[in-house]
């Protein structure tokens, strides 16, 4: 019996129509994936830039707030009720109630000791003692051209401006020797950088603190961006945070001496009346092309900031305003 032969069928491929349908479905799927990817990347960039704006603003406000609170700090007591004698020569300013906190509206009248170009905004200068105290151990009489302290935990060095105080009297001087780091440390204040001797008579309960005058301003950094800088008496500028577009201050004034703020002004006539400082920062995103429109406007410093008025390279950045009000502790009533 002959075997039954089953006819073979030839292998069949995709037809043209089937290929076109498959390619169309693939393109639709690829387009959907690309759309999701682009959208997710946009959300990530926006979120990342907002986070960096907020981080920079919080750090800037925290650093400035600490210094503003310490304006006129002399270790103990109140600078208005103490005798403060500055024997350090210029450019160290006299430490007084009047210059403990001074603002310069849009930088007018401020002498820039750095080589950094001021880009925008107000300037605020704060003077006070900014370190912990080290107790005196020897050479306490005013006629001595040096004093001795127990150790050097704050790293006092030649050229530092220091204050010795006992809460009644205070003398501000510049160190002219290279102090040691342990044991009994001598701090010399020779006439090469100082004028005369100390006025106060101190005992072992007096202590020494570092004095500085910090000025905050917005300058142009080496990358060409606006940044918040802080410069001290030595003229060295420290970049704190980048992308601070503008900075404005308003001052709470105690006009009747009762320790409470009675009015606010951007240009106080008497700086000794300033009891609080309101800091207004306009921050911008590090990256451009974040916003979908150049028509951005935010309320800043009792006015409106319009991003469309900026350079084309900055119109699509994100802008955000941060505000903090800080009390000047030495001018507020004790609790």
Protein backbone atom coordinates (compact mmCIF):
# COMPACT_ATOMS: atom_id res chain seq x y z
CA UNK A 1 0.00 0.00 0.00
CA UNK A 2 1.40 3.31 -1.00
CA UNK A 3 1.86 5.94 1.84
CA UNK A 4 -0.45 8.89 1.89
CA UNK A 5 1.35 11.98 0.69
CA UNK A 6 0.45 15.26 2.41
CA UNK A 7 1.15 18.19 0.16
CA UNK A 8 3.58 20.69 1.76
CA UNK A 9 2.65 24.36 2.15
CA UNK A 10 5.25 27.00 1.37
CA UNK A 11 6.48 29.34 4.12
CA UNK A 12 4.61 32.65 4.02
CA UNK A 13 6.05 36.02 5.35
CA UNK A 14 4.42 39.31 6.32
CA UNK A 15 2.73 41.18 3.66
CA UNK A 16 3.28 44.84 2.90
CA UNK A 17 0.11 45.85 4.67
CA UNK A 18 1.03 43.88 7.76
CA UNK A 19 4.51 45.48 7.85
CA UNK A 20 3.03 48.96 7.56
CA UNK A 21 0.58 48.26 10.38
CA UNK A 22 3.41 46.93 12.61
CA UNK A 23 5.62 49.91 11.84
CA UNK A 24 2.77 52.32 12.59
CA UNK A 25 2.06 50.66 15.93
CA UNK A 26 5.79 50.75 16.76
CA UNK A 27 6.02 54.44 15.92
CA UNK A 28 2.97 55.20 18.04
CA UNK A 29 4.44 53.25 20.95
CA UNK A 30 7.86 54.91 20.52
CA UNK A 31 6.25 58.32 20.38
CA UNK A 32 4.34 57.63 23.58
CA UNK A 33 7.51 56.52 25.36
CA UNK A 34 9.35 59.61 24.09
CA UNK A 35 6.54 61.88 25.25
CA UNK A 36 6.60 60.34 28.72
CA UNK A 37 10.41 60.63 28.82
CA UNK A 38 10.43 64.29 27.77
CA UNK A 39 7.68 65.10 30.26
CA UNK A 40 9.43 63.28 33.07
CA UNK A 41 12.71 65.01 32.27
CA UNK A 42 10.99 68.39 32.32
CA UNK A 43 9.39 67.65 35.68
CA UNK A 44 12.75 66.48 37.05
CA UNK A 45 14.55 69.66 35.88
CA UNK A 46 11.84 71.87 37.35
CA UNK A 47 11.82 70.02 40.68
CA UNK A 48 15.63 69.97 40.84
CA UNK A 49 15.90 73.72 40.16
CA UNK A 50 13.19 74.56 42.71
CA UNK A 51 15.00 72.45 45.30
CA UNK A 52 18.29 74.22 44.61
CA UNK A 53 16.61 77.64 44.81
CA UNK A 54 15.08 76.80 48.18
CA UNK A 55 18.31 75.27 49.52
CA UNK A 56 20.34 78.34 48.53
CA UNK A 57 17.77 80.73 49.98
CA UNK A 58 17.52 78.87 53.30
CA UNK A 59 21.30 78.85 53.69
CA UNK A 60 21.64 82.54 52.79
CA UNK A 61 18.89 83.59 55.22
CA UNK A 62 20.32 81.39 57.98
CA UNK A 63 23.83 82.88 57.72
CA UNK A 64 22.60 86.47 57.51
CA UNK A 65 20.11 85.99 60.34
CA UNK A 66 22.81 84.75 62.72
CA UNK A 67 24.97 87.81 62.03
CA UNK A 68 22.09 90.30 62.19
CA UNK A 69 21.07 88.99 65.62
CA UNK A 70 24.66 89.55 66.83
CA UNK A 71 24.96 93.16 65.61
CA UNK A 72 26.63 95.19 68.36
CA UNK A 73 27.33 92.11 70.47
CA UNK A 74 30.10 92.76 73.02
CA UNK A 75 30.09 89.51 74.97
CA UNK A 76 27.69 90.57 77.70
CA UNK A 77 25.74 93.61 78.65
CA UNK A 78 24.58 96.13 76.08
CA UNK A 79 26.94 98.16 73.90
CA UNK A 80 24.84 101.27 74.60
CA UNK A 81 25.58 101.00 78.33
CA UNK A 82 29.27 100.03 78.06
CA UNK A 83 32.45 101.99 77.45
CA UNK A 84 33.94 100.63 74.23
CA UNK A 85 37.39 101.88 73.25
CA UNK A 86 38.86 101.03 69.83
CA UNK A 87 42.63 101.32 69.71
CA UNK A 88 43.07 99.34 66.47
CA UNK A 89 44.15 101.63 63.65
CA UNK A 90 42.23 102.19 60.41
CA UNK A 91 40.80 100.60 58.38
CA UNK A 92 39.26 99.06 61.52
CA UNK A 93 36.27 101.33 62.30
CA UNK A 94 35.36 102.52 65.74
CA UNK A 95 32.96 100.05 67.32
CA UNK A 96 29.95 102.11 68.36
CA UNK A 97 26.19 101.84 68.62
CA UNK A 98 25.91 103.87 65.42
CA UNK A 99 27.91 101.52 63.18
CA UNK A 100 26.88 98.20 64.73
CA UNK A 101 24.35 97.88 61.89
CA UNK A 102 24.34 100.12 58.80
CA UNK A 103 22.61 99.62 55.46
CA UNK A 104 23.37 101.12 52.05
CA UNK A 105 20.37 101.49 49.75
CA UNK A 106 21.37 99.96 46.39
CA UNK A 107 24.99 100.21 47.55
CA UNK A 108 25.02 104.03 47.69
CA UNK A 109 27.83 105.22 49.98
CA UNK A 110 29.38 101.79 50.51
CA UNK A 111 33.10 101.40 49.85
CA UNK A 112 33.77 98.04 48.22
CA UNK A 113 37.05 96.62 49.62
CA UNK A 114 37.04 93.69 47.18
CA UNK A 115 37.83 93.36 43.51
CA UNK A 116 34.37 91.90 42.90
CA UNK A 117 31.87 93.98 40.97
CA UNK A 118 28.68 94.72 42.89
CA UNK A 119 25.88 93.56 40.61
CA UNK A 120 22.62 94.65 42.26
CA UNK A 121 20.72 95.14 45.49
CA UNK A 122 21.32 96.69 48.88
CA UNK A 123 24.38 96.27 51.12
CA UNK A 124 24.24 95.55 54.85
CA UNK A 125 27.21 95.95 57.23
CA UNK A 126 27.17 94.36 60.69
CA UNK A 127 29.81 94.80 63.40
CA UNK A 128 30.15 92.81 66.59
CA UNK A 129 31.95 90.01 68.40
CA UNK A 130 31.56 86.69 66.60
CA UNK A 131 33.35 84.05 68.66
CA UNK A 132 33.28 82.41 72.06
CA UNK A 133 35.23 84.02 74.88
CA UNK A 134 38.66 83.02 76.20
CA UNK A 135 39.46 84.08 79.80
CA UNK A 136 42.41 86.29 80.68
CA UNK A 137 45.20 84.87 82.82
CA UNK A 138 47.86 87.62 82.98
CA UNK A 139 49.12 91.11 82.09
CA UNK A 140 45.81 92.63 83.09
CA UNK A 141 46.77 96.26 83.69
CA UNK A 142 46.03 98.73 80.87
CA UNK A 143 49.61 99.97 80.48
CA UNK A 144 50.72 96.53 79.25
CA UNK A 145 51.06 96.17 75.49
CA UNK A 146 49.92 92.56 75.66
CA UNK A 147 47.52 90.29 77.46
CA UNK A 148 47.62 86.60 78.19
CA UNK A 149 44.85 84.04 77.76
CA UNK A 150 44.46 80.40 78.64
CA UNK A 151 44.99 78.47 75.42
CA UNK A 152 43.87 79.49 71.96
CA UNK A 153 40.70 77.51 71.17
CA UNK A 154 39.43 80.06 68.63
CA UNK A 155 42.69 80.14 66.68
CA UNK A 156 43.56 83.82 67.19
CA UNK A 157 46.30 84.85 64.77
CA UNK A 158 48.36 87.85 63.80
CA UNK A 159 46.21 90.58 62.23
CA UNK A 160 43.00 89.51 63.96
CA UNK A 161 40.84 92.20 65.51
CA UNK A 162 39.96 91.20 69.07
CA UNK A 163 38.03 92.59 71.99
CA UNK A 164 38.78 92.23 75.69
CA UNK A 165 35.73 92.89 77.84
CA UNK A 166 34.43 92.55 81.38
CA UNK A 167 30.83 93.61 80.62
CA UNK A 168 31.54 97.16 81.79
CA UNK A 169 34.50 98.18 79.64
CA UNK A 170 35.75 96.82 76.33
CA UNK A 171 38.89 97.48 74.31
CA UNK A 172 39.16 96.59 70.62
CA UNK A 173 42.70 95.97 69.35
CA UNK A 174 44.62 94.26 66.55
CA UNK A 175 46.98 91.37 67.30
CA UNK A 176 50.56 92.11 66.22
CA UNK A 177 52.36 88.89 67.16
CA UNK A 178 52.00 85.23 66.21
CA UNK A 179 50.17 83.70 69.20
CA UNK A 180 50.78 80.15 70.30
CA UNK A 181 48.16 77.44 70.35
CA UNK A 182 48.34 76.00 73.87
CA UNK A 183 49.21 76.86 77.44
CA UNK A 184 49.48 80.53 78.34
CA UNK A 185 49.11 82.44 75.05
CA UNK A 186 50.30 86.05 74.72
CA UNK A 187 48.38 88.48 72.49
CA UNK A 188 50.43 91.58 71.70
CA UNK A 189 48.87 94.84 70.52
CA UNK A 190 51.88 97.01 69.66
CA UNK A 191 51.66 100.59 68.39
CA UNK A 192 52.46 99.46 64.85
CA UNK A 193 48.78 98.57 64.43
CA UNK A 194 47.22 100.22 67.48
CA UNK A 195 47.11 103.65 69.07
CA UNK A 196 47.71 103.95 72.80
CA UNK A 197 46.93 101.47 75.54
CA UNK A 198 43.78 99.83 76.73
CA UNK A 199 41.49 101.91 78.92
CA UNK A 200 39.77 99.16 80.86
CA UNK A 201 41.19 97.50 83.98
CA UNK A 202 40.47 93.79 83.81
CA UNK A 203 40.68 90.81 86.11
CA UNK A 204 40.67 87.09 85.41
CA UNK A 205 36.90 87.10 84.83
CA UNK A 206 37.36 89.20 81.66
CA UNK A 207 37.56 87.43 78.30
CA UNK A 208 38.72 87.94 74.72
CA UNK A 209 36.57 87.57 71.59
CA UNK A 210 37.12 88.01 67.86
CA UNK A 211 35.57 91.15 66.34
CA UNK A 212 34.58 91.60 62.70
CA UNK A 213 32.49 93.78 60.45
CA UNK A 214 30.66 91.70 57.86
CA UNK A 215 29.22 93.32 54.75
CA UNK A 216 26.72 91.43 52.61
CA UNK A 217 26.36 92.29 48.92
CA UNK A 218 25.50 90.75 45.56
CA UNK A 219 28.49 90.48 43.26
CA UNK A 220 29.34 88.88 39.93
CA UNK A 221 31.26 85.64 40.48
CA UNK A 222 33.93 84.20 38.13
CA UNK A 223 31.24 82.19 36.29
CA UNK A 224 29.44 85.42 35.42
CA UNK A 225 26.47 84.75 37.71
CA UNK A 226 25.14 86.90 40.52
CA UNK A 227 26.04 85.55 43.95
CA UNK A 228 25.71 86.59 47.58
CA UNK A 229 29.06 87.56 49.10
CA UNK A 230 30.19 88.32 52.65
CA UNK A 231 33.34 90.37 53.21
CA UNK A 232 35.05 90.98 56.57
CA UNK A 233 37.55 93.51 57.89
CA UNK A 234 40.43 91.71 56.17
CA UNK A 235 38.86 92.46 52.76
CA UNK A 236 38.50 88.79 51.83
CA UNK A 237 35.17 88.13 50.09
CA UNK A 238 33.48 84.79 50.67
CA UNK A 239 30.90 83.56 48.15
CA UNK A 240 27.98 82.13 50.10
CA UNK A 241 25.40 81.14 47.49
CA UNK A 242 24.97 81.60 43.75
CA UNK A 243 22.02 82.86 41.72
CA UNK A 244 20.82 85.55 44.14
CA UNK A 245 19.29 87.96 41.64
CA UNK A 246 18.42 90.81 44.01
CA UNK A 247 18.51 91.61 47.74
CA UNK A 248 16.59 94.37 49.51
CA UNK A 249 16.32 95.27 53.20
CA UNK A 250 13.61 96.99 55.22
CA UNK A 251 14.28 98.07 58.78
CA UNK A 252 11.96 97.99 61.77
CA UNK A 253 12.45 101.20 63.77
CA UNK A 254 11.94 101.71 67.48
CA UNK A 255 11.31 105.45 67.45
CA UNK A 256 10.27 105.90 71.09
CA UNK A 257 12.80 103.65 72.85
CA UNK A 258 10.31 101.12 74.24
CA UNK A 259 11.97 98.12 72.54
CA UNK A 260 9.11 97.58 70.07
CA UNK A 261 9.06 98.29 66.35
CA UNK A 262 6.95 101.36 65.54
CA UNK A 263 7.51 101.73 61.80
CA UNK A 264 9.41 100.30 58.84
CA UNK A 265 11.69 102.04 56.38
CA UNK A 266 14.14 101.14 53.61
CA UNK A 267 16.25 104.21 54.43
CA UNK A 268 16.29 104.91 58.19
CA UNK A 269 17.46 108.33 59.22
CA UNK A 270 18.89 107.01 62.49
CA UNK A 271 20.52 103.59 62.47
CA UNK A 272 20.51 103.31 66.25
CA UNK A 273 16.71 102.97 66.07
CA UNK A 274 16.84 99.78 64.00
CA UNK A 275 15.41 96.92 66.09
CA UNK A 276 14.75 94.41 63.32
CA UNK A 277 15.75 93.75 59.72
CA UNK A 278 13.54 92.26 57.02
CA UNK A 279 15.61 90.47 54.38
CA UNK A 280 14.06 90.09 50.90
CA UNK A 281 15.84 87.77 48.46
CA UNK A 282 14.91 87.27 44.81
CA UNK A 283 16.35 83.91 43.80
CA UNK A 284 16.59 82.50 40.29
CA UNK A 285 17.05 78.95 39.03
CA UNK A 286 20.53 77.77 38.05
CA UNK A 287 19.22 76.49 34.68
CA UNK A 288 17.49 78.36 31.90
CA UNK A 289 14.55 77.18 29.76
CA UNK A 290 12.68 75.89 32.79
CA UNK A 291 9.64 78.13 32.52
CA UNK A 292 7.34 77.71 29.53
CA UNK A 293 6.83 81.46 29.26
CA UNK A 294 8.86 84.64 29.54
CA UNK A 295 5.84 86.41 31.05
CA UNK A 296 6.72 85.66 34.67
CA UNK A 297 6.02 88.20 37.37
CA UNK A 298 6.51 87.98 41.14
CA UNK A 299 5.87 90.48 43.92
CA UNK A 300 9.21 91.63 45.30
CA UNK A 301 10.08 94.50 47.66
CA UNK A 302 6.62 96.08 47.41
CA UNK A 303 6.81 96.01 43.62
CA UNK A 304 6.56 93.63 40.68
CA UNK A 305 9.51 91.86 39.13
CA UNK A 306 8.94 91.03 35.46
CA UNK A 307 11.17 88.33 33.96
CA UNK A 308 10.43 89.50 30.41
CA UNK A 309 12.48 92.63 31.14
CA UNK A 310 15.60 90.52 31.76
CA UNK A 311 18.17 89.46 29.20
CA UNK A 312 17.01 86.77 26.78
CA UNK A 313 19.34 84.29 28.48
CA UNK A 314 17.46 84.68 31.77
CA UNK A 315 13.84 85.13 30.74
CA UNK A 316 12.92 81.45 31.08
CA UNK A 317 14.57 80.87 34.44
CA UNK A 318 12.41 80.32 37.50
CA UNK A 319 12.24 83.19 40.01
CA UNK A 320 11.14 82.92 43.64
CA UNK A 321 11.01 85.38 46.56
CA UNK A 322 12.10 84.57 50.12
CA UNK A 323 11.59 86.86 53.11
CA UNK A 324 12.69 86.71 56.75
CA UNK A 325 12.46 89.24 59.59
CA UNK A 326 15.25 89.12 62.18
CA UNK A 327 15.40 90.92 65.53
CA UNK A 328 18.59 92.69 66.65
CA UNK A 329 18.97 91.09 70.07
CA UNK A 330 20.99 93.87 71.67
CA UNK A 331 18.19 96.33 70.89
CA UNK A 332 15.23 94.24 72.00
CA UNK A 333 13.89 94.10 75.57
CA UNK A 334 15.15 91.18 77.66
CA UNK A 335 12.63 88.41 78.24
